[in-house]
Every structure is written in C-alpha cells, then in structure tokens.
PDB file of all heavy atoms in Angstrom:
ATOM      1  N   VAL A   1      -5.424   5.592  -4.533  1.00  0.00           N
ATOM      2  CA  VAL A   1      -5.590   6.569  -3.451  1.00  0.00           C
ATOM      3  C   VAL A   1      -5.941   5.862  -2.143  1.00  0.00           C
ATOM      4  O   VAL A   1      -5.357   6.133  -1.084  1.00  0.00           O
ATOM      5  CB  VAL A   1      -6.676   7.600  -3.815  1.00  0.00           C
ATOM      6  CG1 VAL A   1      -7.056   8.435  -2.582  1.00  0.00           C
ATOM      7  CG2 VAL A   1      -6.192   8.514  -4.934  1.00  0.00           C
ATOM      8  N   PHE A   2      -6.883   4.928  -2.202  1.00  0.00           N
ATOM      9  CA  PHE A   2      -7.293   4.221  -0.984  1.00  0.00           C
ATOM     10  C   PHE A   2      -6.195   3.279  -0.485  1.00  0.00           C
ATOM     11  O   PHE A   2      -6.066   3.057   0.724  1.00  0.00           O
ATOM     12  CB  PHE A   2      -8.588   3.457  -1.232  1.00  0.00           C
ATOM     13  CG  PHE A   2      -9.798   4.349  -1.319  1.00  0.00           C
ATOM     14  CD1 PHE A   2     -10.550   4.423  -2.482  1.00  0.00           C
ATOM     15  CD2 PHE A   2     -10.178   5.132  -0.247  1.00  0.00           C
ATOM     16  CE1 PHE A   2     -11.655   5.261  -2.569  1.00  0.00           C
ATOM     17  CE2 PHE A   2     -11.278   5.973  -0.317  1.00  0.00           C
ATOM     18  CZ  PHE A   2     -12.022   6.040  -1.479  1.00  0.00           C
ATOM     19  N   SER A   3      -5.403   2.743  -1.410  1.00  0.00           N
ATOM     20  CA  SER A   3      -4.283   1.899  -0.970  1.00  0.00           C
ATOM     21  C   SER A   3      -3.228   2.751  -0.270  1.00  0.00           C
ATOM     22  O   SER A   3      -2.530   2.265   0.629  1.00  0.00           O
ATOM     23  CB  SER A   3      -3.671   1.155  -2.164  1.00  0.00           C
ATOM     24  OG  SER A   3      -3.004   2.049  -3.043  1.00  0.00           O
ATOM     25  N   GLY A   4      -3.120   4.031  -0.678  1.00  0.00           N
ATOM     26  CA  GLY A   4      -2.226   4.943   0.033  1.00  0.00           C
ATOM     27  C   GLY A   4      -2.681   5.147   1.464  1.00  0.00           C
ATOM     28  O   GLY A   4      -1.862   5.221   2.390  1.00  0.00           O
ATOM     29  N   ALA A   5      -3.999   5.232   1.646  1.00  0.00           N
ATOM     30  CA  ALA A   5      -4.537   5.322   3.005  1.00  0.00           C
ATOM     31  C   ALA A   5      -4.207   4.055   3.784  1.00  0.00           C
ATOM     32  O   ALA A   5      -3.898   4.096   4.977  1.00  0.00           O
ATOM     33  CB  ALA A   5      -6.045   5.544   2.954  1.00  0.00           C
ATOM     34  N   GLY A   6      -4.263   2.915   3.090  1.00  0.00           N
ATOM     35  CA  GLY A   6      -3.932   1.642   3.734  1.00  0.00           C
ATOM     36  C   GLY A   6      -2.500   1.616   4.235  1.00  0.00           C
ATOM     37  O   GLY A   6      -2.214   1.048   5.303  1.00  0.00           O
ATOM     38  N   ILE A   7      -1.599   2.239   3.483  1.00  0.00           N
ATOM     39  CA  ILE A   7      -0.203   2.307   3.910  1.00  0.00           C
ATOM     40  C   ILE A   7      -0.087   3.070   5.227  1.00  0.00           C
ATOM     41  O   ILE A   7       0.626   2.662   6.152  1.00  0.00           O
ATOM     42  CB  ILE A   7       0.665   2.982   2.820  1.00  0.00           C
ATOM     43  CG1 ILE A   7       0.828   2.038   1.629  1.00  0.00           C
ATOM     44  CG2 ILE A   7       2.028   3.376   3.374  1.00  0.00           C
ATOM     45  CD1 ILE A   7       1.615   2.636   0.485  1.00  0.00           C
ATOM     46  N   VAL A   8      -0.797   4.199   5.317  1.00  0.00           N
ATOM     47  CA  VAL A   8      -0.747   5.024   6.530  1.00  0.00           C
ATOM     48  C   VAL A   8      -1.218   4.235   7.751  1.00  0.00           C
ATOM     49  O   VAL A   8      -0.589   4.275   8.813  1.00  0.00           O
ATOM     50  CB  VAL A   8      -1.607   6.293   6.353  1.00  0.00           C
ATOM     51  CG1 VAL A   8      -1.700   7.067   7.668  1.00  0.00           C
ATOM     52  CG2 VAL A   8      -1.031   7.175   5.255  1.00  0.00           C
ATOM     53  N   TYR A   9      -2.302   3.490   7.595  1.00  0.00           N
ATOM     54  CA  TYR A   9      -2.891   2.785   8.738  1.00  0.00           C
ATOM     55  C   TYR A   9      -2.192   1.465   9.072  1.00  0.00           C
ATOM     56  O   TYR A   9      -2.517   0.844  10.083  1.00  0.00           O
ATOM     57  CB  TYR A   9      -4.376   2.537   8.479  1.00  0.00           C
ATOM     58  CG  TYR A   9      -5.206   3.798   8.546  1.00  0.00           C
ATOM     59  CD1 TYR A   9      -5.885   4.276   7.428  1.00  0.00           C
ATOM     60  CD2 TYR A   9      -5.299   4.526   9.727  1.00  0.00           C
ATOM     61  CE1 TYR A   9      -6.637   5.442   7.490  1.00  0.00           C
ATOM     62  CE2 TYR A   9      -6.041   5.697   9.799  1.00  0.00           C
ATOM     63  CZ  TYR A   9      -6.708   6.151   8.680  1.00  0.00           C
ATOM     64  OH  TYR A   9      -7.438   7.320   8.746  1.00  0.00           O
ATOM     65  N   THR A  10      -1.247   1.042   8.231  1.00  0.00           N
ATOM     66  CA  THR A  10      -0.522  -0.206   8.529  1.00  0.00           C
ATOM     67  C   THR A  10       0.955   0.033   8.841  1.00  0.00           C
ATOM     68  O   THR A  10       1.718  -0.916   8.971  1.00  0.00           O
ATOM     69  CB  THR A  10      -0.634  -1.187   7.345  1.00  0.00           C
ATOM     70  OG1 THR A  10      -0.105  -0.568   6.158  1.00  0.00           O
ATOM     71  CG2 THR A  10      -2.072  -1.600   7.114  1.00  0.00           C
ATOM     72  N   LEU A  11       1.350   1.308   8.954  1.00  0.00           N
ATOM     73  CA  LEU A  11       2.760   1.607   9.228  1.00  0.00           C
ATOM     74  C   LEU A  11       3.260   0.961  10.517  1.00  0.00           C
ATOM     75  O   LEU A  11       4.424   0.563  10.613  1.00  0.00           O
ATOM     76  CB  LEU A  11       2.961   3.130   9.306  1.00  0.00           C
ATOM     77  CG  LEU A  11       3.085   3.865   7.962  1.00  0.00           C
ATOM     78  CD1 LEU A  11       3.074   5.370   8.189  1.00  0.00           C
ATOM     79  CD2 LEU A  11       4.353   3.447   7.233  1.00  0.00           C
ATOM     80  N   SER A  12       2.396   0.843  11.485  1.00  0.00           N
ATOM     81  CA  SER A  12       2.795   0.258  12.769  1.00  0.00           C
ATOM     82  C   SER A  12       2.628  -1.262  12.789  1.00  0.00           C
ATOM     83  O   SER A  12       2.887  -1.902  13.809  1.00  0.00           O
ATOM     84  CB  SER A  12       1.974   0.874  13.910  1.00  0.00           C
ATOM     85  OG  SER A  12       0.587   0.627  13.705  1.00  0.00           O
ATOM     86  N   LYS A  13       2.200  -1.831  11.649  1.00  0.00           N
ATOM     87  CA  LYS A  13       2.004  -3.276  11.556  1.00  0.00           C
ATOM     88  C   LYS A  13       2.784  -3.805  10.355  1.00  0.00           C
ATOM     89  O   LYS A  13       2.249  -3.925   9.247  1.00  0.00           O
ATOM     90  CB  LYS A  13       0.516  -3.606  11.408  1.00  0.00           C
ATOM     91  CG  LYS A  13      -0.336  -3.054  12.552  1.00  0.00           C
ATOM     92  CD  LYS A  13      -1.809  -3.278  12.279  1.00  0.00           C
ATOM     93  CE  LYS A  13      -2.676  -2.687  13.399  1.00  0.00           C
ATOM     94  NZ  LYS A  13      -4.125  -2.847  13.129  1.00  0.00           N
ATOM     95  N   PRO A  14       4.080  -4.096  10.539  1.00  0.00           N
ATOM     96  CA  PRO A  14       4.953  -4.484   9.427  1.00  0.00           C
ATOM     97  C   PRO A  14       4.419  -5.646   8.597  1.00  0.00           C
ATOM     98  O   PRO A  14       4.605  -5.678   7.371  1.00  0.00           O
ATOM     99  CB  PRO A  14       6.264  -4.872  10.130  1.00  0.00           C
ATOM    100  CG  PRO A  14       6.233  -4.121  11.411  1.00  0.00           C
ATOM    101  CD  PRO A  14       4.795  -4.081  11.820  1.00  0.00           C
ATOM    102  N   GLU A  15       3.749  -6.607   9.251  1.00  0.00           N
ATOM    103  CA  GLU A  15       3.256  -7.778   8.519  1.00  0.00           C
ATOM    104  C   GLU A  15       2.134  -7.410   7.550  1.00  0.00           C
ATOM    105  O   GLU A  15       1.899  -8.120   6.565  1.00  0.00           O
ATOM    106  CB  GLU A  15       2.773  -8.853   9.503  1.00  0.00           C
ATOM    107  CG  GLU A  15       1.529  -8.506  10.315  1.00  0.00           C
ATOM    108  CD  GLU A  15       1.790  -7.610  11.515  1.00  0.00           C
ATOM    109  OE1 GLU A  15       2.961  -7.214  11.679  1.00  0.00           O
ATOM    110  OE2 GLU A  15       0.848  -7.323  12.271  1.00  0.00           O
ATOM    111  N   LEU A  16       1.434  -6.296   7.798  1.00  0.00           N
ATOM    112  CA  LEU A  16       0.395  -5.819   6.884  1.00  0.00           C
ATOM    113  C   LEU A  16       0.910  -4.718   5.965  1.00  0.00           C
ATOM    114  O   LEU A  16       0.468  -4.598   4.820  1.00  0.00           O
ATOM    115  CB  LEU A  16      -0.807  -5.289   7.685  1.00  0.00           C
ATOM    116  CG  LEU A  16      -1.566  -6.311   8.534  1.00  0.00           C
ATOM    117  CD1 LEU A  16      -2.686  -5.622   9.310  1.00  0.00           C
ATOM    118  CD2 LEU A  16      -2.147  -7.423   7.654  1.00  0.00           C
ATOM    119  N   TYR A  17       1.848  -3.931   6.468  1.00  0.00           N
ATOM    120  CA  TYR A  17       2.378  -2.810   5.695  1.00  0.00           C
ATOM    121  C   TYR A  17       2.998  -3.258   4.377  1.00  0.00           C
ATOM    122  O   TYR A  17       2.800  -2.608   3.346  1.00  0.00           O
ATOM    123  CB  TYR A  17       3.410  -2.057   6.537  1.00  0.00           C
ATOM    124  CG  TYR A  17       4.212  -1.054   5.738  1.00  0.00           C
ATOM    125  CD1 TYR A  17       3.647   0.161   5.353  1.00  0.00           C
ATOM    126  CD2 TYR A  17       5.521  -1.332   5.352  1.00  0.00           C
ATOM    127  CE1 TYR A  17       4.367   1.080   4.614  1.00  0.00           C
ATOM    128  CE2 TYR A  17       6.256  -0.419   4.613  1.00  0.00           C
ATOM    129  CZ  TYR A  17       5.681   0.777   4.242  1.00  0.00           C
ATOM    130  OH  TYR A  17       6.398   1.684   3.497  1.00  0.00           O
ATOM    131  N   ILE A  18       3.744  -4.354   4.401  1.00  0.00           N
ATOM    132  CA  ILE A  18       4.418  -4.806   3.191  1.00  0.00           C
ATOM    133  C   ILE A  18       3.414  -5.106   2.077  1.00  0.00           C
ATOM    134  O   ILE A  18       3.636  -4.778   0.908  1.00  0.00           O
ATOM    135  CB  ILE A  18       5.305  -6.050   3.486  1.00  0.00           C
ATOM    136  CG1 ILE A  18       6.046  -6.492   2.230  1.00  0.00           C
ATOM    137  CG2 ILE A  18       4.481  -7.192   4.045  1.00  0.00           C
ATOM    138  CD1 ILE A  18       7.054  -5.520   1.732  1.00  0.00           C
ATOM    139  N   PHE A  19       2.263  -5.699   2.440  1.00  0.00           N
ATOM    140  CA  PHE A  19       1.243  -6.016   1.428  1.00  0.00           C
ATOM    141  C   PHE A  19       0.553  -4.750   0.927  1.00  0.00           C
ATOM    142  O   PHE A  19       0.268  -4.621  -0.271  1.00  0.00           O
ATOM    143  CB  PHE A  19       0.221  -6.989   2.008  1.00  0.00           C
ATOM    144  CG  PHE A  19       0.776  -8.351   2.287  1.00  0.00           C
ATOM    145  CD1 PHE A  19       1.057  -8.744   3.594  1.00  0.00           C
ATOM    146  CD2 PHE A  19       1.037  -9.239   1.254  1.00  0.00           C
ATOM    147  CE1 PHE A  19       1.586  -9.995   3.857  1.00  0.00           C
ATOM    148  CE2 PHE A  19       1.561 -10.499   1.510  1.00  0.00           C
ATOM    149  CZ  PHE A  19       1.834 -10.875   2.812  1.00  0.00           C
ATOM    150  N   ALA A  20       0.299  -3.810   1.840  1.00  0.00           N
ATOM    151  CA  ALA A  20      -0.323  -2.546   1.436  1.00  0.00           C
ATOM    152  C   ALA A  20       0.600  -1.777   0.490  1.00  0.00           C
ATOM    153  O   ALA A  20       0.141  -1.205  -0.509  1.00  0.00           O
ATOM    154  CB  ALA A  20      -0.639  -1.702   2.665  1.00  0.00           C
ATOM    155  N   ALA A  21       1.890  -1.769   0.792  1.00  0.00           N
ATOM    156  CA  ALA A  21       2.854  -1.056  -0.044  1.00  0.00           C
ATOM    157  C   ALA A  21       2.993  -1.708  -1.415  1.00  0.00           C
ATOM    158  O   ALA A  21       3.075  -1.018  -2.440  1.00  0.00           O
ATOM    159  CB  ALA A  21       4.212  -1.007   0.662  1.00  0.00           C
ATOM    160  N   LEU A  22       3.023  -3.033  -1.449  1.00  0.00           N
ATOM    161  CA  LEU A  22       3.121  -3.746  -2.722  1.00  0.00           C
ATOM    162  C   LEU A  22       1.899  -3.475  -3.588  1.00  0.00           C
ATOM    163  O   LEU A  22       2.009  -3.215  -4.795  1.00  0.00           O
ATOM    164  CB  LEU A  22       3.269  -5.248  -2.470  1.00  0.00           C
ATOM    165  CG  LEU A  22       4.615  -5.714  -1.907  1.00  0.00           C
ATOM    166  CD1 LEU A  22       4.551  -7.193  -1.549  1.00  0.00           C
ATOM    167  CD2 LEU A  22       5.736  -5.466  -2.902  1.00  0.00           C
ATOM    168  N   PHE A  23       0.731  -3.531  -2.976  1.00  0.00           N
ATOM    169  CA  PHE A  23      -0.510  -3.288  -3.714  1.00  0.00           C
ATOM    170  C   PHE A  23      -0.536  -1.858  -4.252  1.00  0.00           C
ATOM    171  O   PHE A  23      -0.933  -1.616  -5.397  1.00  0.00           O
ATOM    172  CB  PHE A  23      -1.702  -3.528  -2.779  1.00  0.00           C
ATOM    173  CG  PHE A  23      -3.041  -3.485  -3.463  1.00  0.00           C
ATOM    174  CD1 PHE A  23      -3.299  -4.267  -4.582  1.00  0.00           C
ATOM    175  CD2 PHE A  23      -4.037  -2.643  -2.994  1.00  0.00           C
ATOM    176  CE1 PHE A  23      -4.533  -4.220  -5.214  1.00  0.00           C
ATOM    177  CE2 PHE A  23      -5.274  -2.591  -3.616  1.00  0.00           C
ATOM    178  CZ  PHE A  23      -5.518  -3.379  -4.737  1.00  0.00           C
ATOM    179  N   HIS A  24      -0.071  -0.922  -3.440  1.00  0.00           N
ATOM    180  CA  HIS A  24      -0.032   0.492  -3.834  1.00  0.00           C
ATOM    181  C   HIS A  24       0.864   0.683  -5.064  1.00  0.00           C
ATOM    182  O   HIS A  24       0.479   1.356  -6.037  1.00  0.00           O
ATOM    183  CB  HIS A  24       0.491   1.318  -2.662  1.00  0.00           C
ATOM    184  CG  HIS A  24       0.485   2.793  -2.892  1.00  0.00           C
ATOM    185  ND1 HIS A  24      -0.674   3.527  -2.959  1.00  0.00           N
ATOM    186  CD2 HIS A  24       1.507   3.686  -3.080  1.00  0.00           C
ATOM    187  CE1 HIS A  24      -0.384   4.803  -3.174  1.00  0.00           C
ATOM    188  NE2 HIS A  24       0.926   4.927  -3.257  1.00  0.00           N
ATOM    189  N   ASN A  25       2.050   0.097  -5.042  1.00  0.00           N
ATOM    190  CA  ASN A  25       2.990   0.262  -6.146  1.00  0.00           C
ATOM    191  C   ASN A  25       2.511  -0.430  -7.421  1.00  0.00           C
ATOM    192  O   ASN A  25       2.697   0.087  -8.525  1.00  0.00           O
ATOM    193  CB  ASN A  25       4.366  -0.285  -5.745  1.00  0.00           C
ATOM    194  CG  ASN A  25       5.136   0.699  -4.884  1.00  0.00           C
ATOM    195  OD1 ASN A  25       4.559   1.646  -4.359  1.00  0.00           O
ATOM    196  ND2 ASN A  25       6.418   0.485  -4.732  1.00  0.00           N
ATOM    197  N   LEU A  26       1.892  -1.587  -7.280  1.00  0.00           N
ATOM    198  CA  LEU A  26       1.405  -2.294  -8.463  1.00  0.00           C
ATOM    199  C   LEU A  26       0.224  -1.568  -9.096  1.00  0.00           C
ATOM    200  O   LEU A  26       0.068  -1.568 -10.320  1.00  0.00           O
ATOM    201  CB  LEU A  26       1.016  -3.727  -8.088  1.00  0.00           C
ATOM    202  CG  LEU A  26       2.191  -4.636  -7.733  1.00  0.00           C
ATOM    203  CD1 LEU A  26       1.698  -6.005  -7.297  1.00  0.00           C
ATOM    204  CD2 LEU A  26       3.145  -4.778  -8.915  1.00  0.00           C
ATOM    205  N   LEU A  27      -0.589  -0.921  -8.271  1.00  0.00           N
ATOM    206  CA  LEU A  27      -1.712  -0.151  -8.807  1.00  0.00           C
ATOM    207  C   LEU A  27      -1.223   1.050  -9.614  1.00  0.00           C
ATOM    208  O   LEU A  27      -1.712   1.318 -10.713  1.00  0.00           O
ATOM    209  CB  LEU A  27      -2.628   0.325  -7.671  1.00  0.00           C
ATOM    210  CG  LEU A  27      -3.565  -0.723  -7.076  1.00  0.00           C
ATOM    211  CD1 LEU A  27      -4.251  -0.152  -5.832  1.00  0.00           C
ATOM    212  CD2 LEU A  27      -4.622  -1.158  -8.096  1.00  0.00           C
ATOM    213  N   ILE A  28      -0.260   1.790  -9.073  1.00  0.00           N
ATOM    214  CA  ILE A  28       0.233   2.964  -9.790  1.00  0.00           C
ATOM    215  C   ILE A  28       0.993   2.549 -11.039  1.00  0.00           C
ATOM    216  O   ILE A  28       0.969   3.253 -12.055  1.00  0.00           O
ATOM    217  CB  ILE A  28       1.106   3.856  -8.866  1.00  0.00           C
ATOM    218  CG1 ILE A  28       1.300   5.243  -9.495  1.00  0.00           C
ATOM    219  CG2 ILE A  28       2.436   3.207  -8.564  1.00  0.00           C
ATOM    220  CD1 ILE A  28       0.037   6.028  -9.705  1.00  0.00           C
ATOM    221  N   SER A  29       1.660   1.397 -10.998  1.00  0.00           N
ATOM    222  CA  SER A  29       2.355   0.895 -12.189  1.00  0.00           C
ATOM    223  C   SER A  29       1.344   0.566 -13.281  1.00  0.00           C
ATOM    224  O   SER A  29       1.540   0.898 -14.463  1.00  0.00           O
ATOM    225  CB  SER A  29       3.173  -0.346 -11.839  1.00  0.00           C
ATOM    226  OG  SER A  29       4.172  -0.061 -10.884  1.00  0.00           O
ATOM    227  N   SER A  30       0.258  -0.088 -12.888  1.00  0.00           N
ATOM    228  CA  SER A  30      -0.790  -0.435 -13.855  1.00  0.00           C
ATOM    229  C   SER A  30      -1.463   0.819 -14.406  1.00  0.00           C
ATOM    230  O   SER A  30      -1.749   0.910 -15.609  1.00  0.00           O
ATOM    231  CB  SER A  30      -1.833  -1.340 -13.200  1.00  0.00           C
ATOM    232  OG  SER A  30      -1.244  -2.534 -12.726  1.00  0.00           O
ATOM    233  N   LEU A  31      -1.714   1.798 -13.541  1.00  0.00           N
ATOM    234  CA  LEU A  31      -2.325   3.046 -13.978  1.00  0.00           C
ATOM    235  C   LEU A  31      -1.442   3.745 -15.004  1.00  0.00           C
ATOM    236  O   LEU A  31      -1.932   4.214 -16.043  1.00  0.00           O
ATOM    237  CB  LEU A  31      -2.560   3.966 -12.777  1.00  0.00           C
ATOM    238  CG  LEU A  31      -3.025   5.398 -13.110  1.00  0.00           C
ATOM    239  CD1 LEU A  31      -4.363   5.375 -13.836  1.00  0.00           C
ATOM    240  CD2 LEU A  31      -3.111   6.239 -11.840  1.00  0.00           C
ATOM    241  N   PHE A  32      -0.155   3.812 -14.736  1.00  0.00           N
ATOM    242  CA  PHE A  32       0.755   4.474 -15.665  1.00  0.00           C
ATOM    243  C   PHE A  32       0.783   3.737 -17.006  1.00  0.00           C
ATOM    244  O   PHE A  32       0.821   4.368 -18.073  1.00  0.00           O
ATOM    245  CB  PHE A  32       2.164   4.549 -15.069  1.00  0.00           C
ATOM    246  CG  PHE A  32       3.160   5.245 -15.951  1.00  0.00           C
ATOM    247  CD1 PHE A  32       3.071   6.610 -16.160  1.00  0.00           C
ATOM    248  CD2 PHE A  32       4.175   4.538 -16.567  1.00  0.00           C
ATOM    249  CE1 PHE A  32       3.984   7.263 -16.981  1.00  0.00           C
ATOM    250  CE2 PHE A  32       5.092   5.175 -17.392  1.00  0.00           C
ATOM    251  CZ  PHE A  32       5.002   6.545 -17.596  1.00  0.00           C
TER     252      PHE A  32
END
C-alpha cells in the first residue's frame, strides 16, 4: 500500500518512479 503511494509521488521523477514501480510489483507478487 505504501509503495503504491510512492508510485504516485514519483510519477514526475522517472529515475525514481521505475524503482517505486518495481518494488510495488515485487511486493504484490510476494504477497500473492
């Protein structure tokens, strides 16, 4: 959930957004 917030706040910063998105997807994959 908090990594999803990180995605929102890094949308305008591509160099950070990619890491936030990767972390978000890996977390949900692990949760599943």
